[in-house]
Amino acid sequence: MSVIVCYAPTNDSPEERKDEYYGELHTVIDKIPERDVKIVTGNLNAKVGRDNQGIENVISVKGLGEVANEIGTNFISFCSTKNLVIGGALFQHKVIHKYTWTSS
């Protein structure tokens, strides 16, 4: 099992920083043996929503809201390319347990 703890840049970060982050994440994932279970955790700054049309293997319909930011779209794309599942939206939870922070 390999656990990757990361902190993703926010939507306000420069595009170069976002590209650099995903480049580094791709590199780290590619170095992990294929047979390992991979867990990516941390503050991913992603809102992935519940619309899973075409990406059923990545996310279920038990998420919250809609893909609300570019980071969410990038994270879904990353997970799709690396054959990862977004676990936070995989199981049914009470709405209050589906998020950790609300913007003012």
PDB file of N, CA and C in Angstrom:
ATOM      1  N   MET A   1       0.846  -1.165   0.000  1.00  0.00           N
ATOM      2  CA  MET A   1       0.000   0.000   0.000  1.00  0.00           C
ATOM      3  C   MET A   1       0.893   1.231   0.000  1.00  0.00           C
ATOM      4  N   SER A   2       0.518   2.203  -0.803  1.00  0.00           N
ATOM      5  CA  SER A   2       1.241   3.473  -0.847  1.00  0.00           C
ATOM      6  C   SER A   2       0.264   4.606  -0.564  1.00  0.00           C
ATOM      7  N   VAL A   3       0.632   5.463   0.375  1.00  0.00           N
ATOM      8  CA  VAL A   3      -0.198   6.605   0.736  1.00  0.00           C
ATOM      9  C   VAL A   3       0.534   7.872   0.332  1.00  0.00           C
ATOM     10  N   ILE A   4      -0.155   8.710  -0.428  1.00  0.00           N
ATOM     11  CA  ILE A   4       0.411   9.978  -0.881  1.00  0.00           C
ATOM     12  C   ILE A   4      -0.392  11.086  -0.220  1.00  0.00           C
ATOM     13  N   VAL A   5       0.272  11.902   0.569  1.00  0.00           N
ATOM     14  CA  VAL A   5      -0.377  13.028   1.232  1.00  0.00           C
ATOM     15  C   VAL A   5       0.037  14.285   0.485  1.00  0.00           C
ATOM     16  N   CYS A   6      -0.956  15.053   0.051  1.00  0.00           N
ATOM     17  CA  CYS A   6      -0.621  16.227  -0.751  1.00  0.00           C
ATOM     18  C   CYS A   6      -1.515  17.417  -0.402  1.00  0.00           C
ATOM     19  N   TYR A   7      -1.075  18.568  -0.827  1.00  0.00           N
ATOM     20  CA  TYR A   7      -1.833  19.801  -0.664  1.00  0.00           C
ATOM     21  C   TYR A   7      -1.893  20.455  -2.037  1.00  0.00           C
ATOM     22  N   ALA A   8      -3.075  20.448  -2.629  1.00  0.00           N
ATOM     23  CA  ALA A   8      -3.238  20.979  -3.987  1.00  0.00           C
ATOM     24  C   ALA A   8      -3.320  22.498  -3.964  1.00  0.00           C
ATOM     25  N   PRO A   9      -2.858  23.132  -5.025  1.00  0.00           N
ATOM     26  CA  PRO A   9      -3.018  24.585  -5.116  1.00  0.00           C
ATOM     27  C   PRO A   9      -4.501  24.950  -5.247  1.00  0.00           C
ATOM     28  N   THR A  10      -4.838  26.155  -4.877  1.00  0.00           N
ATOM     29  CA  THR A  10      -6.219  26.623  -4.972  1.00  0.00           C
ATOM     30  C   THR A  10      -6.505  27.133  -6.376  1.00  0.00           C
ATOM     31  N   ASN A  11      -7.775  27.446  -6.644  1.00  0.00           N
ATOM     32  CA  ASN A  11      -8.152  28.004  -7.948  1.00  0.00           C
ATOM     33  C   ASN A  11      -7.444  29.313  -8.240  1.00  0.00           C
ATOM     34  N   ASP A  12      -7.109  30.064  -7.196  1.00  0.00           N
ATOM     35  CA  ASP A  12      -6.455  31.365  -7.381  1.00  0.00           C
ATOM     36  C   ASP A  12      -4.974  31.250  -7.715  1.00  0.00           C
ATOM     37  N   SER A  13      -4.415  30.067  -7.586  1.00  0.00           N
ATOM     38  CA  SER A  13      -2.994  29.868  -7.873  1.00  0.00           C
ATOM     39  C   SER A  13      -2.728  30.027  -9.366  1.00  0.00           C
ATOM     40  N   PRO A  14      -1.502  30.429  -9.712  1.00  0.00           N
ATOM     41  CA  PRO A  14      -1.149  30.554 -11.134  1.00  0.00           C
ATOM     42  C   PRO A  14      -1.238  29.205 -11.843  1.00  0.00           C
ATOM     43  N   GLU A  15      -1.586  29.237 -13.119  1.00  0.00           N
ATOM     44  CA  GLU A  15      -1.720  28.007 -13.919  1.00  0.00           C
ATOM     45  C   GLU A  15      -0.444  27.174 -13.894  1.00  0.00           C
ATOM     46  N   GLU A  16       0.720  27.855 -13.893  1.00  0.00           N
ATOM     47  CA  GLU A  16       1.989  27.125 -13.886  1.00  0.00           C
ATOM     48  C   GLU A  16       2.109  26.265 -12.629  1.00  0.00           C
ATOM     49  N   ARG A  17       1.649  26.802 -11.494  1.00  0.00           N
ATOM     50  CA  ARG A  17       1.724  26.058 -10.222  1.00  0.00           C
ATOM     51  C   ARG A  17       0.806  24.844 -10.257  1.00  0.00           C
ATOM     52  N   LYS A  18      -0.400  25.012 -10.822  1.00  0.00           N
ATOM     53  CA  LYS A  18      -1.334  23.883 -10.929  1.00  0.00           C
ATOM     54  C   LYS A  18      -0.754  22.792 -11.831  1.00  0.00           C
ATOM     55  N   ASP A  19      -0.186  23.210 -12.968  1.00  0.00           N
ATOM     56  CA  ASP A  19       0.421  22.243 -13.891  1.00  0.00           C
ATOM     57  C   ASP A  19       1.598  21.527 -13.225  1.00  0.00           C
ATOM     58  N   GLU A  20       2.403  22.273 -12.473  1.00  0.00           N
ATOM     59  CA  GLU A  20       3.546  21.700 -11.768  1.00  0.00           C
ATOM     60  C   GLU A  20       3.076  20.675 -10.726  1.00  0.00           C
ATOM     61  N   TYR A  21       2.024  21.015 -10.002  1.00  0.00           N
ATOM     62  CA  TYR A  21       1.481  20.119  -8.984  1.00  0.00           C
ATOM     63  C   TYR A  21       1.038  18.795  -9.603  1.00  0.00           C
ATOM     64  N   TYR A  22       0.231  18.853 -10.670  1.00  0.00           N
ATOM     65  CA  TYR A  22      -0.239  17.619 -11.290  1.00  0.00           C
ATOM     66  C   TYR A  22       0.892  16.849 -11.964  1.00  0.00           C
ATOM     67  N   GLY A  23       1.885  17.569 -12.467  1.00  0.00           N
ATOM     68  CA  GLY A  23       3.057  16.898 -13.025  1.00  0.00           C
ATOM     69  C   GLY A  23       3.794  16.101 -11.964  1.00  0.00           C
ATOM     70  N   GLU A  24       3.973  16.719 -10.787  1.00  0.00           N
ATOM     71  CA  GLU A  24       4.630  16.030  -9.672  1.00  0.00           C
ATOM     72  C   GLU A  24       3.795  14.838  -9.199  1.00  0.00           C
ATOM     73  N   LEU A  25       2.484  15.034  -9.121  1.00  0.00           N
ATOM     74  CA  LEU A  25       1.603  13.952  -8.681  1.00  0.00           C
ATOM     75  C   LEU A  25       1.642  12.774  -9.655  1.00  0.00           C
ATOM     76  N   HIS A  26       1.647  13.063 -10.957  1.00  0.00           N
ATOM     77  CA  HIS A  26       1.771  12.008 -11.975  1.00  0.00           C
ATOM     78  C   HIS A  26       3.082  11.247 -11.789  1.00  0.00           C
ATOM     79  N   THR A  27       4.174  11.985 -11.555  1.00  0.00           N
ATOM     80  CA  THR A  27       5.484  11.361 -11.385  1.00  0.00           C
ATOM     81  C   THR A  27       5.498  10.432 -10.179  1.00  0.00           C
ATOM     82  N   VAL A  28       4.943  10.900  -9.073  1.00  0.00           N
ATOM     83  CA  VAL A  28       4.905  10.083  -7.845  1.00  0.00           C
ATOM     84  C   VAL A  28       4.079   8.817  -8.066  1.00  0.00           C
ATOM     85  N   ILE A  29       2.887   8.962  -8.640  1.00  0.00           N
ATOM     86  CA  ILE A  29       2.015   7.803  -8.894  1.00  0.00           C
ATOM     87  C   ILE A  29       2.696   6.811  -9.829  1.00  0.00           C
ATOM     88  N   ASP A  30       3.385   7.315 -10.859  1.00  0.00           N
ATOM     89  CA  ASP A  30       4.040   6.430 -11.824  1.00  0.00           C
ATOM     90  C   ASP A  30       5.176   5.618 -11.206  1.00  0.00           C
ATOM     91  N   LYS A  31       5.764   6.114 -10.108  1.00  0.00           N
ATOM     92  CA  LYS A  31       6.864   5.401  -9.452  1.00  0.00           C
ATOM     93  C   LYS A  31       6.370   4.282  -8.529  1.00  0.00           C
ATOM     94  N   ILE A  32       5.079   4.281  -8.211  1.00  0.00           N
ATOM     95  CA  ILE A  32       4.519   3.274  -7.312  1.00  0.00           C
ATOM     96  C   ILE A  32       4.262   1.990  -8.103  1.00  0.00           C
ATOM     97  N   PRO A  33       4.661   0.848  -7.558  1.00  0.00           N
ATOM     98  CA  PRO A  33       4.404  -0.414  -8.270  1.00  0.00           C
ATOM     99  C   PRO A  33       2.912  -0.596  -8.574  1.00  0.00           C
ATOM    100  N   GLU A  34       2.601  -1.135  -9.719  1.00  0.00           N
ATOM    101  CA  GLU A  34       1.217  -1.318 -10.170  1.00  0.00           C
ATOM    102  C   GLU A  34       0.400  -2.148  -9.190  1.00  0.00           C
ATOM    103  N   ARG A  35       1.019  -3.103  -8.534  1.00  0.00           N
ATOM    104  CA  ARG A  35       0.298  -4.001  -7.629  1.00  0.00           C
ATOM    105  C   ARG A  35      -0.105  -3.329  -6.314  1.00  0.00           C
ATOM    106  N   ASP A  36       0.493  -2.184  -5.984  1.00  0.00           N
ATOM    107  CA  ASP A  36       0.185  -1.487  -4.729  1.00  0.00           C
ATOM    108  C   ASP A  36      -1.193  -0.843  -4.762  1.00  0.00           C
ATOM    109  N   VAL A  37      -1.855  -0.838  -3.612  1.00  0.00           N
ATOM    110  CA  VAL A  37      -3.060  -0.033  -3.434  1.00  0.00           C
ATOM    111  C   VAL A  37      -2.568   1.390  -3.235  1.00  0.00           C
ATOM    112  N   LYS A  38      -3.147   2.327  -3.968  1.00  0.00           N
ATOM    113  CA  LYS A  38      -2.711   3.725  -3.891  1.00  0.00           C
ATOM    114  C   LYS A  38      -3.782   4.566  -3.222  1.00  0.00           C
ATOM    115  N   ILE A  39      -3.388   5.334  -2.217  1.00  0.00           N
ATOM    116  CA  ILE A  39      -4.308   6.235  -1.538  1.00  0.00           C
ATOM    117  C   ILE A  39      -3.726   7.638  -1.635  1.00  0.00           C
ATOM    118  N   VAL A  40      -4.489   8.547  -2.247  1.00  0.00           N
ATOM    119  CA  VAL A  40      -4.095   9.950  -2.336  1.00  0.00           C
ATOM    120  C   VAL A  40      -4.992  10.700  -1.374  1.00  0.00           C
ATOM    121  N   THR A  41      -4.395  11.361  -0.401  1.00  0.00           N
ATOM    122  CA  THR A  41      -5.171  12.066   0.609  1.00  0.00           C
ATOM    123  C   THR A  41      -4.541  13.423   0.892  1.00  0.00           C
ATOM    124  N   GLY A  42      -5.272  14.254   1.581  1.00  0.00           N
ATOM    125  CA  GLY A  42      -4.779  15.583   1.920  1.00  0.00           C
ATOM    126  C   GLY A  42      -5.825  16.622   1.575  1.00  0.00           C
ATOM    127  N   ASN A  43      -5.402  17.856   1.443  1.00  0.00           N
ATOM    128  CA  ASN A  43      -6.302  18.927   1.040  1.00  0.00           C
ATOM    129  C   ASN A  43      -6.188  19.070  -0.470  1.00  0.00           C
ATOM    130  N   LEU A  44      -7.158  18.511  -1.174  1.00  0.00           N
ATOM    131  CA  LEU A  44      -7.108  18.493  -2.634  1.00  0.00           C
ATOM    132  C   LEU A  44      -7.799  19.695  -3.259  1.00  0.00           C
ATOM    133  N   ASN A  45      -8.477  20.514  -2.451  1.00  0.00           N
ATOM    134  CA  ASN A  45      -9.160  21.725  -2.921  1.00  0.00           C
ATOM    135  C   ASN A  45     -10.068  21.463  -4.112  1.00  0.00           C
ATOM    136  N   ALA A  46     -10.666  20.282  -4.173  1.00  0.00           N
ATOM    137  CA  ALA A  46     -11.481  19.886  -5.321  1.00  0.00           C
ATOM    138  C   ALA A  46     -12.943  19.710  -4.919  1.00  0.00           C
ATOM    139  N   LYS A  47     -13.823  20.216  -5.767  1.00  0.00           N
ATOM    140  CA  LYS A  47     -15.254  19.959  -5.622  1.00  0.00           C
ATOM    141  C   LYS A  47     -15.642  19.097  -6.820  1.00  0.00           C
ATOM    142  N   VAL A  48     -15.939  17.816  -6.552  1.00  0.00           N
ATOM    143  CA  VAL A  48     -16.170  16.883  -7.652  1.00  0.00           C
ATOM    144  C   VAL A  48     -17.638  16.640  -7.953  1.00  0.00           C
ATOM    145  N   GLY A  49     -18.534  17.035  -7.076  1.00  0.00           N
ATOM    146  CA  GLY A  49     -19.962  16.935  -7.343  1.00  0.00           C
ATOM    147  C   GLY A  49     -20.488  15.527  -7.417  1.00  0.00           C
ATOM    148  N   ARG A  50     -21.651  15.400  -8.078  1.00  0.00           N
ATOM    149  CA  ARG A  50     -22.307  14.095  -8.151  1.00  0.00           C
ATOM    150  C   ARG A  50     -22.589  13.638  -9.575  1.00  0.00           C
ATOM    151  N   ASP A  51     -22.301  14.455 -10.560  1.00  0.00           N
ATOM    152  CA  ASP A  51     -22.554  14.062 -11.946  1.00  0.00           C
ATOM    153  C   ASP A  51     -21.437  13.130 -12.405  1.00  0.00           C
ATOM    154  N   ASN A  52     -21.770  11.861 -12.550  1.00  0.00           N
ATOM    155  CA  ASN A  52     -20.743  10.890 -12.915  1.00  0.00           C
ATOM    156  C   ASN A  52     -20.927  10.324 -14.325  1.00  0.00           C
ATOM    157  N   GLN A  53     -21.680  11.011 -15.137  1.00  0.00           N
ATOM    158  CA  GLN A  53     -21.922  10.527 -16.492  1.00  0.00           C
ATOM    159  C   GLN A  53     -20.606  10.429 -17.263  1.00  0.00           C
ATOM    160  N   GLY A  54     -20.286   9.228 -17.672  1.00  0.00           N
ATOM    161  CA  GLY A  54     -19.060   8.973 -18.421  1.00  0.00           C
ATOM    162  C   GLY A  54     -17.845   8.690 -17.551  1.00  0.00           C
ATOM    163  N   ILE A  55     -17.964   8.907 -16.258  1.00  0.00           N
ATOM    164  CA  ILE A  55     -16.840   8.659 -15.346  1.00  0.00           C
ATOM    165  C   ILE A  55     -17.290   7.817 -14.155  1.00  0.00           C
ATOM    166  N   GLU A  56     -18.184   6.886 -14.410  1.00  0.00           N
ATOM    167  CA  GLU A  56     -18.741   6.038 -13.356  1.00  0.00           C
ATOM    168  C   GLU A  56     -17.669   5.246 -12.615  1.00  0.00           C
ATOM    169  N   ASN A  57     -16.549   4.977 -13.276  1.00  0.00           N
ATOM    170  CA  ASN A  57     -15.469   4.230 -12.642  1.00  0.00           C
ATOM    171  C   ASN A  57     -14.632   5.097 -11.703  1.00  0.00           C
ATOM    172  N   VAL A  58     -14.858   6.416 -11.705  1.00  0.00           N
ATOM    173  CA  VAL A  58     -14.088   7.340 -10.873  1.00  0.00           C
ATOM    174  C   VAL A  58     -14.904   7.865  -9.702  1.00  0.00           C
ATOM    175  N   ILE A  59     -16.170   8.169  -9.929  1.00  0.00           N
ATOM    176  CA  ILE A  59     -16.991   8.819  -8.908  1.00  0.00           C
ATOM    177  C   ILE A  59     -18.416   8.274  -8.965  1.00  0.00           C
ATOM    178  N   SER A  60     -19.060   8.228  -7.803  1.00  0.00           N
ATOM    179  CA  SER A  60     -20.455   7.780  -7.774  1.00  0.00           C
ATOM    180  C   SER A  60     -21.369   8.998  -7.687  1.00  0.00           C
ATOM    181  N   VAL A  61     -22.655   8.771  -7.628  1.00  0.00           N
ATOM    182  CA  VAL A  61     -23.628   9.871  -7.567  1.00  0.00           C
ATOM    183  C   VAL A  61     -23.878  10.327  -6.131  1.00  0.00           C
ATOM    184  N   LYS A  62     -23.067   9.889  -5.201  1.00  0.00           N
ATOM    185  CA  LYS A  62     -23.289  10.228  -3.795  1.00  0.00           C
ATOM    186  C   LYS A  62     -22.496  11.451  -3.342  1.00  0.00           C
ATOM    187  N   GLY A  63     -21.927  12.183  -4.278  1.00  0.00           N
ATOM    188  CA  GLY A  63     -21.193  13.398  -3.948  1.00  0.00           C
ATOM    189  C   GLY A  63     -22.142  14.521  -3.577  1.00  0.00           C
ATOM    190  N   LEU A  64     -21.614  15.725  -3.507  1.00  0.00           N
ATOM    191  CA  LEU A  64     -22.398  16.886  -3.100  1.00  0.00           C
ATOM    192  C   LEU A  64     -22.321  17.952  -4.187  1.00  0.00           C
ATOM    193  N   GLY A  65     -23.466  18.411  -4.656  1.00  0.00           N
ATOM    194  CA  GLY A  65     -23.499  19.517  -5.625  1.00  0.00           C
ATOM    195  C   GLY A  65     -22.973  19.146  -6.990  1.00  0.00           C
ATOM    196  N   GLU A  66     -22.287  20.113  -7.593  1.00  0.00           N
ATOM    197  CA  GLU A  66     -21.733  19.946  -8.932  1.00  0.00           C
ATOM    198  C   GLU A  66     -20.235  20.191  -8.901  1.00  0.00           C
ATOM    199  N   VAL A  67     -19.566  19.810  -9.991  1.00  0.00           N
ATOM    200  CA  VAL A  67     -18.150  20.161 -10.107  1.00  0.00           C
ATOM    201  C   VAL A  67     -18.116  21.673 -10.124  1.00  0.00           C
ATOM    202  N   ALA A  68     -17.552  22.252  -9.094  1.00  0.00           N
ATOM    203  CA  ALA A  68     -17.675  23.693  -8.926  1.00  0.00           C
ATOM    204  C   ALA A  68     -16.386  24.452  -9.173  1.00  0.00           C
ATOM    205  N   ASN A  69     -15.324  23.758  -9.516  1.00  0.00           N
ATOM    206  CA  ASN A  69     -14.091  24.495  -9.776  1.00  0.00           C
ATOM    207  C   ASN A  69     -13.183  23.709 -10.716  1.00  0.00           C
ATOM    208  N   GLU A  70     -12.214  24.410 -11.251  1.00  0.00           N
ATOM    209  CA  GLU A  70     -11.261  23.815 -12.190  1.00  0.00           C
ATOM    210  C   GLU A  70     -10.452  22.712 -11.519  1.00  0.00           C
ATOM    211  N   ILE A  71     -10.168  22.891 -10.239  1.00  0.00           N
ATOM    212  CA  ILE A  71      -9.410  21.880  -9.501  1.00  0.00           C
ATOM    213  C   ILE A  71     -10.186  20.563  -9.476  1.00  0.00           C
ATOM    214  N   GLY A  72     -11.512  20.628  -9.286  1.00  0.00           N
ATOM    215  CA  GLY A  72     -12.339  19.425  -9.296  1.00  0.00           C
ATOM    216  C   GLY A  72     -12.271  18.715 -10.636  1.00  0.00           C
ATOM    217  N   THR A  73     -12.365  19.482 -11.708  1.00  0.00           N
ATOM    218  CA  THR A  73     -12.277  18.912 -13.059  1.00  0.00           C
ATOM    219  C   THR A  73     -10.915  18.271 -13.289  1.00  0.00           C
ATOM    220  N   ASN A  74      -9.857  18.952 -12.869  1.00  0.00           N
ATOM    221  CA  ASN A  74      -8.499  18.411 -13.028  1.00  0.00           C
ATOM    222  C   ASN A  74      -8.309  17.141 -12.207  1.00  0.00           C
ATOM    223  N   PHE A  75      -8.856  17.127 -10.987  1.00  0.00           N
ATOM    224  CA  PHE A  75      -8.703  15.956 -10.129  1.00  0.00           C
ATOM    225  C   PHE A  75      -9.449  14.752 -10.701  1.00  0.00           C
ATOM    226  N   ILE A  76     -10.647  14.979 -11.217  1.00  0.00           N
ATOM    227  CA  ILE A  76     -11.406  13.893 -11.853  1.00  0.00           C
ATOM    228  C   ILE A  76     -10.634  13.348 -13.046  1.00  0.00           C
ATOM    229  N   SER A  77     -10.090  14.235 -13.854  1.00  0.00           N
ATOM    230  CA  SER A  77      -9.311  13.825 -15.022  1.00  0.00           C
ATOM    231  C   SER A  77      -8.078  13.017 -14.603  1.00  0.00           C
ATOM    232  N   PHE A  78      -7.378  13.510 -13.572  1.00  0.00           N
ATOM    233  CA  PHE A  78      -6.198  12.806 -13.059  1.00  0.00           C
ATOM    234  C   PHE A  78      -6.568  11.397 -12.592  1.00  0.00           C
ATOM    235  N   CYS A  79      -7.628  11.295 -11.794  1.00  0.00           N
ATOM    236  CA  CYS A  79      -8.061   9.991 -11.272  1.00  0.00           C
ATOM    237  C   CYS A  79      -8.457   9.047 -12.400  1.00  0.00           C
ATOM    238  N   SER A  80      -9.092   9.594 -13.415  1.00  0.00           N
ATOM    239  CA  SER A  80      -9.504   8.786 -14.555  1.00  0.00           C
ATOM    240  C   SER A  80      -8.293   8.220 -15.288  1.00  0.00           C
ATOM    241  N   THR A  81      -7.266   9.048 -15.496  1.00  0.00           N
ATOM    242  CA  THR A  81      -6.062   8.583 -16.206  1.00  0.00           C
ATOM    243  C   THR A  81      -5.260   7.572 -15.404  1.00  0.00           C
ATOM    244  N   LYS A  82      -5.284   7.712 -14.083  1.00  0.00           N
ATOM    245  CA  LYS A  82      -4.480   6.837 -13.233  1.00  0.00           C
ATOM    246  C   LYS A  82      -5.285   5.684 -12.638  1.00  0.00           C
ATOM    247  N   ASN A  83      -6.521   5.503 -13.106  1.00  0.00           N
ATOM    248  CA  ASN A  83      -7.375   4.404 -12.647  1.00  0.00           C
ATOM    249  C   ASN A  83      -7.602   4.445 -11.133  1.00  0.00           C
ATOM    250  N   LEU A  84      -7.908   5.651 -10.613  1.00  0.00           N
ATOM    251  CA  LEU A  84      -8.179   5.849  -9.195  1.00  0.00           C
ATOM    252  C   LEU A  84      -9.656   6.155  -8.997  1.00  0.00           C
ATOM    253  N   VAL A  85     -10.169   5.871  -7.819  1.00  0.00           N
ATOM    254  CA  VAL A  85     -11.562   6.137  -7.468  1.00  0.00           C
ATOM    255  C   VAL A  85     -11.583   7.223  -6.401  1.00  0.00           C
ATOM    256  N   ILE A  86     -12.491   8.188  -6.529  1.00  0.00           N
ATOM    257  CA  ILE A  86     -12.632   9.243  -5.528  1.00  0.00           C
ATOM    258  C   ILE A  86     -13.529   8.705  -4.422  1.00  0.00           C
ATOM    259  N   GLY A  87     -12.920   8.363  -3.299  1.00  0.00           N
ATOM    260  CA  GLY A  87     -13.623   7.688  -2.216  1.00  0.00           C
ATOM    261  C   GLY A  87     -14.575   8.562  -1.427  1.00  0.00           C
ATOM    262  N   GLY A  88     -14.332   9.863  -1.376  1.00  0.00           N
ATOM    263  CA  GLY A  88     -15.190  10.753  -0.614  1.00  0.00           C
ATOM    264  C   GLY A  88     -16.611  10.803  -1.139  1.00  0.00           C
ATOM    265  N   ALA A  89     -16.794  10.456  -2.383  1.00  0.00           N
ATOM    266  CA  ALA A  89     -18.129  10.469  -2.996  1.00  0.00           C
ATOM    267  C   ALA A  89     -18.586   9.058  -3.349  1.00  0.00           C
ATOM    268  N   LEU A  90     -17.968   8.071  -2.765  1.00  0.00           N
ATOM    269  CA  LEU A  90     -18.266   6.685  -3.100  1.00  0.00           C
ATOM    270  C   LEU A  90     -19.394   6.106  -2.252  1.00  0.00           C
ATOM    271  N   PHE A  91     -19.491   6.555  -1.014  1.00  0.00           N
ATOM    272  CA  PHE A  91     -20.475   6.000  -0.092  1.00  0.00           C
ATOM    273  C   PHE A  91     -21.465   7.076   0.349  1.00  0.00           C
ATOM    274  N   GLN A  92     -22.658   6.640   0.733  1.00  0.00           N
ATOM    275  CA  GLN A  92     -23.693   7.555   1.200  1.00  0.00           C
ATOM    276  C   GLN A  92     -23.324   8.086   2.585  1.00  0.00           C
ATOM    277  N   HIS A  93     -23.380   9.405   2.737  1.00  0.00           N
ATOM    278  CA  HIS A  93     -23.120  10.070   4.009  1.00  0.00           C
ATOM    279  C   HIS A  93     -24.203  11.112   4.245  1.00  0.00           C
ATOM    280  N   LYS A  94     -24.374  11.533   5.485  1.00  0.00           N
ATOM    281  CA  LYS A  94     -25.238  12.674   5.762  1.00  0.00           C
ATOM    282  C   LYS A  94     -24.611  13.885   5.088  1.00  0.00           C
ATOM    283  N   VAL A  95     -25.446  14.814   4.627  1.00  0.00           N
ATOM    284  CA  VAL A  95     -24.941  15.989   3.915  1.00  0.00           C
ATOM    285  C   VAL A  95     -23.896  16.733   4.743  1.00  0.00           C
ATOM    286  N   ILE A  96     -24.111  16.872   6.024  1.00  0.00           N
ATOM    287  CA  ILE A  96     -23.173  17.609   6.875  1.00  0.00           C
ATOM    288  C   ILE A  96     -21.792  16.951   6.935  1.00  0.00           C
ATOM    289  N   HIS A  97     -21.697  15.676   6.597  1.00  0.00           N
ATOM    290  CA  HIS A  97     -20.414  14.979   6.611  1.00  0.00           C
ATOM    291  C   HIS A  97     -19.748  14.932   5.234  1.00  0.00           C
ATOM    292  N   LYS A  98     -20.342  15.581   4.246  1.00  0.00           N
ATOM    293  CA  LYS A  98     -19.798  15.538   2.889  1.00  0.00           C
ATOM    294  C   LYS A  98     -18.837  16.688   2.579  1.00  0.00           C
ATOM    295  N   TYR A  99     -18.695  17.620   3.506  1.00  0.00           N
ATOM    296  CA  TYR A  99     -17.786  18.725   3.288  1.00  0.00           C
ATOM    297  C   TYR A  99     -17.164  19.139   4.604  1.00  0.00           C
ATOM    298  N   THR A 100     -16.052  19.854   4.529  1.00  0.00           N
ATOM    299  CA  THR A 100     -15.358  20.246   5.753  1.00  0.00           C
ATOM    300  C   THR A 100     -15.295  21.758   5.934  1.00  0.00           C
ATOM    301  N   TRP A 101     -15.625  22.510   4.890  1.00  0.00           N
ATOM    302  CA  TRP A 101     -15.474  23.958   4.973  1.00  0.00           C
ATOM    303  C   TRP A 101     -16.472  24.611   4.035  1.00  0.00           C
ATOM    304  N   THR A 102     -17.043  25.726   4.437  1.00  0.00           N
ATOM    305  CA  THR A 102     -17.980  26.473   3.605  1.00  0.00           C
ATOM    306  C   THR A 102     -17.444  27.884   3.400  1.00  0.00           C
ATOM    307  N   SER A 103     -17.395  28.318   2.161  1.00  0.00           N
ATOM    308  CA  SER A 103     -16.924  29.675   1.844  1.00  0.00           C
ATOM    309  C   SER A 103     -17.926  30.704   2.343  1.00  0.00           C
ATOM    310  N   SER A 104     -17.436  31.820   2.835  1.00  0.00           N
ATOM    311  CA  SER A 104     -18.339  32.859   3.371  1.00  0.00           C
ATOM    312  C   SER A 104     -18.963  33.717   2.287  1.00  0.00           C
TER     313      SER A 104
END
